[in-house]
């Protein structure tokens, strides 16, 4: 049977190796490159998009209410005889 301490030591050494490997630097550099590229593309963040989406939903709801009020006022105006 394998000693659990040996497995823990092996896992720790593999984690340390992965953290100091060139792959970690490559991932960090790729992330920095993509972040730079996306910032130049004038994109919005997910949070900004969701905020604007909620603003649009509220605006549409308010527009529907106002359209209904205008329609009611127009109907009322049509019922009244001209002065």
PDB file of N, CA and C in Angstrom:
ATOM      1  N   UNK A   1       0.847  -1.179   0.000  1.00  0.00           N
ATOM      2  CA  UNK A   1       0.000   0.000   0.000  1.00  0.00           C
ATOM      3  C   UNK A   1       0.890   1.238   0.000  1.00  0.00           C
ATOM      4  N   UNK A   2       0.479   2.283  -0.756  1.00  0.00           N
ATOM      5  CA  UNK A   2       1.265   3.509  -0.857  1.00  0.00           C
ATOM      6  C   UNK A   2       0.940   4.407   0.338  1.00  0.00           C
ATOM      7  N   UNK A   3       1.980   4.974   0.886  1.00  0.00           N
ATOM      8  CA  UNK A   3       1.844   5.863   2.030  1.00  0.00           C
ATOM      9  C   UNK A   3       1.151   7.159   1.586  1.00  0.00           C
ATOM     10  N   UNK A   4       0.064   7.579   2.299  1.00  0.00           N
ATOM     11  CA  UNK A   4      -0.640   8.813   1.908  1.00  0.00           C
ATOM     12  C   UNK A   4       0.267  10.040   1.946  1.00  0.00           C
ATOM     13  N   UNK A   5       1.265  10.047   2.800  1.00  0.00           N
ATOM     14  CA  UNK A   5       2.192  11.183   2.870  1.00  0.00           C
ATOM     15  C   UNK A   5       2.966  11.316   1.568  1.00  0.00           C
ATOM     16  N   UNK A   6       3.328  10.186   0.984  1.00  0.00           N
ATOM     17  CA  UNK A   6       4.049  10.212  -0.295  1.00  0.00           C
ATOM     18  C   UNK A   6       3.155  10.825  -1.374  1.00  0.00           C
ATOM     19  N   UNK A   7       1.876  10.455  -1.382  1.00  0.00           N
ATOM     20  CA  UNK A   7       0.947  11.018  -2.365  1.00  0.00           C
ATOM     21  C   UNK A   7       0.774  12.522  -2.157  1.00  0.00           C
ATOM     22  N   UNK A   8       0.680  12.964  -0.896  1.00  0.00           N
ATOM     23  CA  UNK A   8       0.564  14.395  -0.607  1.00  0.00           C
ATOM     24  C   UNK A   8       1.807  15.147  -1.064  1.00  0.00           C
ATOM     25  N   UNK A   9       2.983  14.572  -0.799  1.00  0.00           N
ATOM     26  CA  UNK A   9       4.234  15.203  -1.228  1.00  0.00           C
ATOM     27  C   UNK A   9       4.310  15.296  -2.745  1.00  0.00           C
ATOM     28  N   UNK A  10       3.897  14.214  -3.412  1.00  0.00           N
ATOM     29  CA  UNK A  10       3.912  14.196  -4.875  1.00  0.00           C
ATOM     30  C   UNK A  10       2.956  15.258  -5.428  1.00  0.00           C
ATOM     31  N   UNK A  11       1.763  15.362  -4.849  1.00  0.00           N
ATOM     32  CA  UNK A  11       0.789  16.361  -5.297  1.00  0.00           C
ATOM     33  C   UNK A  11       1.327  17.769  -5.082  1.00  0.00           C
ATOM     34  N   UNK A  12       1.975  17.991  -3.942  1.00  0.00           N
ATOM     35  CA  UNK A  12       2.538  19.309  -3.662  1.00  0.00           C
ATOM     36  C   UNK A  12       3.637  19.650  -4.650  1.00  0.00           C
ATOM     37  N   UNK A  13       4.504  18.687  -4.976  1.00  0.00           N
ATOM     38  CA  UNK A  13       5.587  18.944  -5.923  1.00  0.00           C
ATOM     39  C   UNK A  13       5.036  19.203  -7.327  1.00  0.00           C
ATOM     40  N   UNK A  14       3.993  18.470  -7.714  1.00  0.00           N
ATOM     41  CA  UNK A  14       3.384  18.696  -9.029  1.00  0.00           C
ATOM     42  C   UNK A  14       2.737  20.082  -9.098  1.00  0.00           C
ATOM     43  N   UNK A  15       2.094  20.496  -8.021  1.00  0.00           N
ATOM     44  CA  UNK A  15       1.486  21.835  -7.990  1.00  0.00           C
ATOM     45  C   UNK A  15       2.559  22.909  -8.084  1.00  0.00           C
ATOM     46  N   UNK A  16       3.648  22.706  -7.368  1.00  0.00           N
ATOM     47  CA  UNK A  16       4.755  23.665  -7.403  1.00  0.00           C
ATOM     48  C   UNK A  16       5.360  23.732  -8.794  1.00  0.00           C
ATOM     49  N   UNK A  17       5.520  22.570  -9.421  1.00  0.00           N
ATOM     50  CA  UNK A  17       6.080  22.507 -10.773  1.00  0.00           C
ATOM     51  C   UNK A  17       5.162  23.224 -11.763  1.00  0.00           C
ATOM     52  N   UNK A  18       3.863  23.009 -11.633  1.00  0.00           N
ATOM     53  CA  UNK A  18       2.904  23.654 -12.537  1.00  0.00           C
ATOM     54  C   UNK A  18       2.916  25.171 -12.354  1.00  0.00           C
ATOM     55  N   UNK A  19       3.098  25.609 -11.110  1.00  0.00           N
ATOM     56  CA  UNK A  19       3.090  27.047 -10.840  1.00  0.00           C
ATOM     57  C   UNK A  19       4.326  27.747 -11.397  1.00  0.00           C
ATOM     58  N   UNK A  20       5.443  27.030 -11.477  1.00  0.00           N
ATOM     59  CA  UNK A  20       6.679  27.639 -11.957  1.00  0.00           C
ATOM     60  C   UNK A  20       7.023  27.249 -13.387  1.00  0.00           C
ATOM     61  N   UNK A  21       6.129  26.563 -14.046  1.00  0.00           N
ATOM     62  CA  UNK A  21       6.422  26.098 -15.402  1.00  0.00           C
ATOM     63  C   UNK A  21       6.237  27.219 -16.424  1.00  0.00           C
ATOM     64  N   UNK A  22       6.816  27.063 -17.591  1.00  0.00           N
ATOM     65  CA  UNK A  22       6.614  28.062 -18.654  1.00  0.00           C
ATOM     66  C   UNK A  22       5.154  28.165 -19.081  1.00  0.00           C
ATOM     67  N   UNK A  23       4.380  27.108 -18.885  1.00  0.00           N
ATOM     68  CA  UNK A  23       2.962  27.155 -19.252  1.00  0.00           C
ATOM     69  C   UNK A  23       2.233  28.230 -18.453  1.00  0.00           C
ATOM     70  N   UNK A  24       2.595  28.398 -17.202  1.00  0.00           N
ATOM     71  CA  UNK A  24       1.963  29.430 -16.366  1.00  0.00           C
ATOM     72  C   UNK A  24       2.290  30.815 -16.911  1.00  0.00           C
ATOM     73  N   UNK A  25       3.547  31.034 -17.319  1.00  0.00           N
ATOM     74  CA  UNK A  25       3.925  32.314 -17.912  1.00  0.00           C
ATOM     75  C   UNK A  25       3.205  32.536 -19.234  1.00  0.00           C
ATOM     76  N   UNK A  26       3.077  31.485 -20.016  1.00  0.00           N
ATOM     77  CA  UNK A  26       2.382  31.585 -21.295  1.00  0.00           C
ATOM     78  C   UNK A  26       0.920  31.975 -21.069  1.00  0.00           C
ATOM     79  N   UNK A  27       0.281  31.365 -20.087  1.00  0.00           N
ATOM     80  CA  UNK A  27      -1.113  31.689 -19.783  1.00  0.00           C
ATOM     81  C   UNK A  27      -1.243  33.144 -19.340  1.00  0.00           C
ATOM     82  N   UNK A  28      -0.317  33.588 -18.491  1.00  0.00           N
ATOM     83  CA  UNK A  28      -0.354  34.966 -17.997  1.00  0.00           C
ATOM     84  C   UNK A  28      -0.147  35.948 -19.153  1.00  0.00           C
ATOM     85  N   UNK A  29       0.812  35.654 -20.035  1.00  0.00           N
ATOM     86  CA  UNK A  29       1.078  36.538 -21.173  1.00  0.00           C
ATOM     87  C   UNK A  29      -0.085  36.560 -22.155  1.00  0.00           C
ATOM     88  N   UNK A  30      -0.681  35.401 -22.395  1.00  0.00           N
ATOM     89  CA  UNK A  30      -1.824  35.343 -23.300  1.00  0.00           C
ATOM     90  C   UNK A  30      -2.996  36.138 -22.739  1.00  0.00           C
ATOM     91  N   UNK A  31      -3.209  36.017 -21.439  1.00  0.00           N
ATOM     92  CA  UNK A  31      -4.301  36.760 -20.802  1.00  0.00           C
ATOM     93  C   UNK A  31      -4.059  38.265 -20.907  1.00  0.00           C
ATOM     94  N   UNK A  32      -2.831  38.695 -20.676  1.00  0.00           N
ATOM     95  CA  UNK A  32      -2.498  40.121 -20.778  1.00  0.00           C
ATOM     96  C   UNK A  32      -2.679  40.613 -22.212  1.00  0.00           C
ATOM     97  N   UNK A  33      -2.273  39.812 -23.177  1.00  0.00           N
ATOM     98  CA  UNK A  33      -2.425  40.182 -24.586  1.00  0.00           C
ATOM     99  C   UNK A  33      -3.897  40.312 -24.962  1.00  0.00           C
ATOM    100  N   UNK A  34      -4.706  39.347 -24.550  1.00  0.00           N
ATOM    101  CA  UNK A  34      -6.134  39.400 -24.871  1.00  0.00           C
ATOM    102  C   UNK A  34      -6.817  40.573 -24.176  1.00  0.00           C
ATOM    103  N   UNK A  35      -6.439  40.839 -22.938  1.00  0.00           N
ATOM    104  CA  UNK A  35      -7.012  41.974 -22.211  1.00  0.00           C
ATOM    105  C   UNK A  35      -6.688  43.276 -22.942  1.00  0.00           C
ATOM    106  N   UNK A  36      -5.452  43.408 -23.398  1.00  0.00           N
ATOM    107  CA  UNK A  36      -5.047  44.598 -24.134  1.00  0.00           C
ATOM    108  C   UNK A  36      -5.829  44.721 -25.446  1.00  0.00           C
ATOM    109  N   UNK A  37      -5.967  43.622 -26.147  1.00  0.00           N
ATOM    110  CA  UNK A  37      -6.701  43.619 -27.413  1.00  0.00           C
ATOM    111  C   UNK A  37      -8.160  43.999 -27.193  1.00  0.00           C
ATOM    112  N   UNK A  38      -8.785  43.407 -26.198  1.00  0.00           N
ATOM    113  CA  UNK A  38     -10.197  43.694 -25.942  1.00  0.00           C
ATOM    114  C   UNK A  38     -10.398  45.140 -25.504  1.00  0.00           C
ATOM    115  N   UNK A  39      -9.450  45.705 -24.774  1.00  0.00           N
ATOM    116  CA  UNK A  39      -9.606  47.095 -24.337  1.00  0.00           C
ATOM    117  C   UNK A  39      -9.543  48.050 -25.524  1.00  0.00           C
ATOM    118  N   UNK A  40      -8.797  47.691 -26.556  1.00  0.00           N
ATOM    119  CA  UNK A  40      -8.725  48.538 -27.753  1.00  0.00           C
ATOM    120  C   UNK A  40      -9.952  48.393 -28.636  1.00  0.00           C
ATOM    121  N   UNK A  41     -10.713  47.323 -28.456  1.00  0.00           N
ATOM    122  CA  UNK A  41     -11.900  47.100 -29.279  1.00  0.00           C
ATOM    123  C   UNK A  41     -13.120  47.842 -28.759  1.00  0.00           C
ATOM    124  N   UNK A  42     -12.982  48.554 -27.646  1.00  0.00           N
ATOM    125  CA  UNK A  42     -14.069  49.347 -27.082  1.00  0.00           C
ATOM    126  C   UNK A  42     -15.277  48.472 -26.755  1.00  0.00           C
ATOM    127  N   UNK A  43     -15.027  47.345 -26.114  1.00  0.00           N
ATOM    128  CA  UNK A  43     -16.092  46.438 -25.697  1.00  0.00           C
ATOM    129  C   UNK A  43     -16.575  46.825 -24.310  1.00  0.00           C
ATOM    130  N   UNK A  44     -17.787  46.421 -23.979  1.00  0.00           N
ATOM    131  CA  UNK A  44     -18.320  46.674 -22.641  1.00  0.00           C
ATOM    132  C   UNK A  44     -18.200  45.410 -21.804  1.00  0.00           C
ATOM    133  N   UNK A  45     -18.158  45.624 -20.501  1.00  0.00           N
ATOM    134  CA  UNK A  45     -18.092  44.471 -19.610  1.00  0.00           C
ATOM    135  C   UNK A  45     -19.477  43.855 -19.478  1.00  0.00           C
ATOM    136  N   UNK A  46     -19.517  42.653 -18.963  1.00  0.00           N
ATOM    137  CA  UNK A  46     -20.797  41.967 -18.747  1.00  0.00           C
ATOM    138  C   UNK A  46     -21.661  42.801 -17.791  1.00  0.00           C
ATOM    139  N   UNK A  47     -21.040  43.350 -16.745  1.00  0.00           N
ATOM    140  CA  UNK A  47     -21.791  44.163 -15.779  1.00  0.00           C
ATOM    141  C   UNK A  47     -22.412  45.387 -16.425  1.00  0.00           C
ATOM    142  N   UNK A  48     -21.635  46.088 -17.257  1.00  0.00           N
ATOM    143  CA  UNK A  48     -22.160  47.271 -17.949  1.00  0.00           C
ATOM    144  C   UNK A  48     -23.301  46.892 -18.886  1.00  0.00           C
ATOM    145  N   UNK A  49     -23.140  45.763 -19.570  1.00  0.00           N
ATOM    146  CA  UNK A  49     -24.179  45.290 -20.488  1.00  0.00           C
ATOM    147  C   UNK A  49     -25.469  45.000 -19.731  1.00  0.00           C
ATOM    148  N   UNK A  50     -25.362  44.321 -18.594  1.00  0.00           N
ATOM    149  CA  UNK A  50     -26.549  43.962 -17.820  1.00  0.00           C
ATOM    150  C   UNK A  50     -27.246  45.201 -17.267  1.00  0.00           C
ATOM    151  N   UNK A  51     -26.466  46.207 -16.856  1.00  0.00           N
ATOM    152  CA  UNK A  51     -27.069  47.452 -16.372  1.00  0.00           C
ATOM    153  C   UNK A  51     -27.853  48.111 -17.505  1.00  0.00           C
ATOM    154  N   UNK A  52     -27.257  48.211 -18.678  1.00  0.00           N
ATOM    155  CA  UNK A  52     -27.935  48.840 -19.813  1.00  0.00           C
ATOM    156  C   UNK A  52     -29.152  48.027 -20.244  1.00  0.00           C
ATOM    157  N   UNK A  53     -29.070  46.729 -20.116  1.00  0.00           N
ATOM    158  CA  UNK A  53     -30.206  45.870 -20.452  1.00  0.00           C
ATOM    159  C   UNK A  53     -31.384  46.173 -19.520  1.00  0.00           C
ATOM    160  N   UNK A  54     -31.112  46.343 -18.228  1.00  0.00           N
ATOM    161  CA  UNK A  54     -32.173  46.677 -17.270  1.00  0.00           C
ATOM    162  C   UNK A  54     -32.749  48.064 -17.550  1.00  0.00           C
ATOM    163  N   UNK A  55     -31.894  49.017 -17.914  1.00  0.00           N
ATOM    164  CA  UNK A  55     -32.366  50.362 -18.257  1.00  0.00           C
ATOM    165  C   UNK A  55     -33.299  50.283 -19.459  1.00  0.00           C
ATOM    166  N   UNK A  56     -32.934  49.500 -20.456  1.00  0.00           N
ATOM    167  CA  UNK A  56     -33.768  49.354 -21.646  1.00  0.00           C
ATOM    168  C   UNK A  56     -35.107  48.708 -21.307  1.00  0.00           C
ATOM    169  N   UNK A  57     -35.093  47.708 -20.458  1.00  0.00           N
ATOM    170  CA  UNK A  57     -36.348  47.050 -20.055  1.00  0.00           C
ATOM    171  C   UNK A  57     -37.268  48.052 -19.363  1.00  0.00           C
ATOM    172  N   UNK A  58     -36.723  48.840 -18.428  1.00  0.00           N
ATOM    173  CA  UNK A  58     -37.531  49.854 -17.728  1.00  0.00           C
ATOM    174  C   UNK A  58     -38.048  50.907 -18.707  1.00  0.00           C
ATOM    175  N   UNK A  59     -37.218  51.310 -19.649  1.00  0.00           N
ATOM    176  CA  UNK A  59     -37.638  52.319 -20.636  1.00  0.00           C
ATOM    177  C   UNK A  59     -38.782  51.799 -21.486  1.00  0.00           C
ATOM    178  N   UNK A  60     -38.684  50.553 -21.893  1.00  0.00           N
ATOM    179  CA  UNK A  60     -39.768  49.961 -22.700  1.00  0.00           C
ATOM    180  C   UNK A  60     -41.068  49.875 -21.900  1.00  0.00           C
ATOM    181  N   UNK A  61     -40.954  49.517 -20.622  1.00  0.00           N
ATOM    182  CA  UNK A  61     -42.146  49.450 -19.779  1.00  0.00           C
ATOM    183  C   UNK A  61     -42.787  50.825 -19.645  1.00  0.00           C
ATOM    184  N   UNK A  62     -41.960  51.859 -19.422  1.00  0.00           N
ATOM    185  CA  UNK A  62     -42.481  53.219 -19.295  1.00  0.00           C
ATOM    186  C   UNK A  62     -43.100  53.690 -20.610  1.00  0.00           C
ATOM    187  N   UNK A  63     -42.478  53.321 -21.728  1.00  0.00           N
ATOM    188  CA  UNK A  63     -43.015  53.688 -23.037  1.00  0.00           C
ATOM    189  C   UNK A  63     -44.389  53.051 -23.251  1.00  0.00           C
ATOM    190  N   UNK A  64     -44.545  51.803 -22.867  1.00  0.00           N
ATOM    191  CA  UNK A  64     -45.836  51.134 -23.019  1.00  0.00           C
ATOM    192  C   UNK A  64     -46.908  51.835 -22.185  1.00  0.00           C
ATOM    193  N   UNK A  65     -46.556  52.246 -20.960  1.00  0.00           N
ATOM    194  CA  UNK A  65     -47.505  52.963 -20.098  1.00  0.00           C
ATOM    195  C   UNK A  65     -47.887  54.290 -20.747  1.00  0.00           C
ATOM    196  N   UNK A  66     -46.902  55.022 -21.248  1.00  0.00           N
ATOM    197  CA  UNK A  66     -47.181  56.323 -21.873  1.00  0.00           C
ATOM    198  C   UNK A  66     -48.004  56.172 -23.151  1.00  0.00           C
ATOM    199  N   UNK A  67     -47.715  55.146 -23.940  1.00  0.00           N
ATOM    200  CA  UNK A  67     -48.515  54.914 -25.153  1.00  0.00           C
ATOM    201  C   UNK A  67     -49.964  54.633 -24.805  1.00  0.00           C
ATOM    202  N   UNK A  68     -50.185  53.873 -23.737  1.00  0.00           N
ATOM    203  CA  UNK A  68     -51.557  53.578 -23.307  1.00  0.00           C
ATOM    204  C   UNK A  68     -52.258  54.853 -22.842  1.00  0.00           C
ATOM    205  N   UNK A  69     -51.533  55.720 -22.119  1.00  0.00           N
ATOM    206  CA  UNK A  69     -52.131  56.978 -21.658  1.00  0.00           C
ATOM    207  C   UNK A  69     -52.484  57.879 -22.838  1.00  0.00           C
ATOM    208  N   UNK A  70     -51.603  57.967 -23.822  1.00  0.00           N
ATOM    209  CA  UNK A  70     -51.873  58.792 -25.006  1.00  0.00           C
ATOM    210  C   UNK A  70     -53.084  58.238 -25.753  1.00  0.00           C
ATOM    211  N   UNK A  71     -53.155  56.933 -25.896  1.00  0.00           N
ATOM    212  CA  UNK A  71     -54.291  56.332 -26.595  1.00  0.00           C
ATOM    213  C   UNK A  71     -55.594  56.625 -25.851  1.00  0.00           C
ATOM    214  N   UNK A  72     -55.568  56.554 -24.525  1.00  0.00           N
ATOM    215  CA  UNK A  72     -56.770  56.847 -23.733  1.00  0.00           C
ATOM    216  C   UNK A  72     -57.165  58.312 -23.883  1.00  0.00           C
ATOM    217  N   UNK A  73     -56.183  59.209 -23.834  1.00  0.00           N
ATOM    218  CA  UNK A  73     -56.475  60.635 -24.000  1.00  0.00           C
ATOM    219  C   UNK A  73     -57.022  60.935 -25.398  1.00  0.00           C
ATOM    220  N   UNK A  74     -56.486  60.294 -26.414  1.00  0.00           N
ATOM    221  CA  UNK A  74     -56.980  60.505 -27.779  1.00  0.00           C
ATOM    222  C   UNK A  74     -58.407  59.992 -27.919  1.00  0.00           C
ATOM    223  N   UNK A  75     -58.687  58.856 -27.316  1.00  0.00           N
ATOM    224  CA  UNK A  75     -60.044  58.307 -27.373  1.00  0.00           C
ATOM    225  C   UNK A  75     -61.020  59.230 -26.658  1.00  0.00           C
ATOM    226  N   UNK A  76     -60.600  59.762 -25.506  1.00  0.00           N
ATOM    227  CA  UNK A  76     -61.442  60.686 -24.769  1.00  0.00           C
ATOM    228  C   UNK A  76     -61.684  61.970 -25.564  1.00  0.00           C
ATOM    229  N   UNK A  77     -60.628  62.446 -26.251  1.00  0.00           N
ATOM    230  CA  UNK A  77     -60.756  63.675 -27.043  1.00  0.00           C
ATOM    231  C   UNK A  77     -61.706  63.468 -28.209  1.00  0.00           C
ATOM    232  N   UNK A  78     -61.707  62.287 -28.786  1.00  0.00           N
ATOM    233  CA  UNK A  78     -62.616  62.002 -29.906  1.00  0.00           C
ATOM    234  C   UNK A  78     -64.071  61.962 -29.452  1.00  0.00           C
ATOM    235  N   UNK A  79     -64.334  61.603 -28.207  1.00  0.00           N
ATOM    236  CA  UNK A  79     -65.697  61.513 -27.690  1.00  0.00           C
ATOM    237  C   UNK A  79     -66.284  62.887 -27.420  1.00  0.00           C
ATOM    238  N   UNK A  80     -65.461  63.857 -27.072  1.00  0.00           N
ATOM    239  CA  UNK A  80     -65.951  65.190 -26.717  1.00  0.00           C
ATOM    240  C   UNK A  80     -66.308  65.964 -27.982  1.00  0.00           C
ATOM    241  N   UNK A  81     -67.450  66.630 -27.968  1.00  0.00           N
ATOM    242  CA  UNK A  81     -67.842  67.443 -29.152  1.00  0.00           C
ATOM    243  C   UNK A  81     -66.932  68.670 -29.256  1.00  0.00           C
ATOM    244  N   UNK A  82     -66.655  69.127 -30.474  1.00  0.00           N
ATOM    245  CA  UNK A  82     -65.825  70.322 -30.649  1.00  0.00           C
ATOM    246  C   UNK A  82     -66.507  71.542 -30.035  1.00  0.00           C
ATOM    247  N   UNK A  83     -65.714  72.437 -29.492  1.00  0.00           N
ATOM    248  CA  UNK A  83     -66.260  73.645 -28.849  1.00  0.00           C
ATOM    249  C   UNK A  83     -66.555  74.721 -29.836  1.00  0.00           C
TER     250      UNK A  83
END
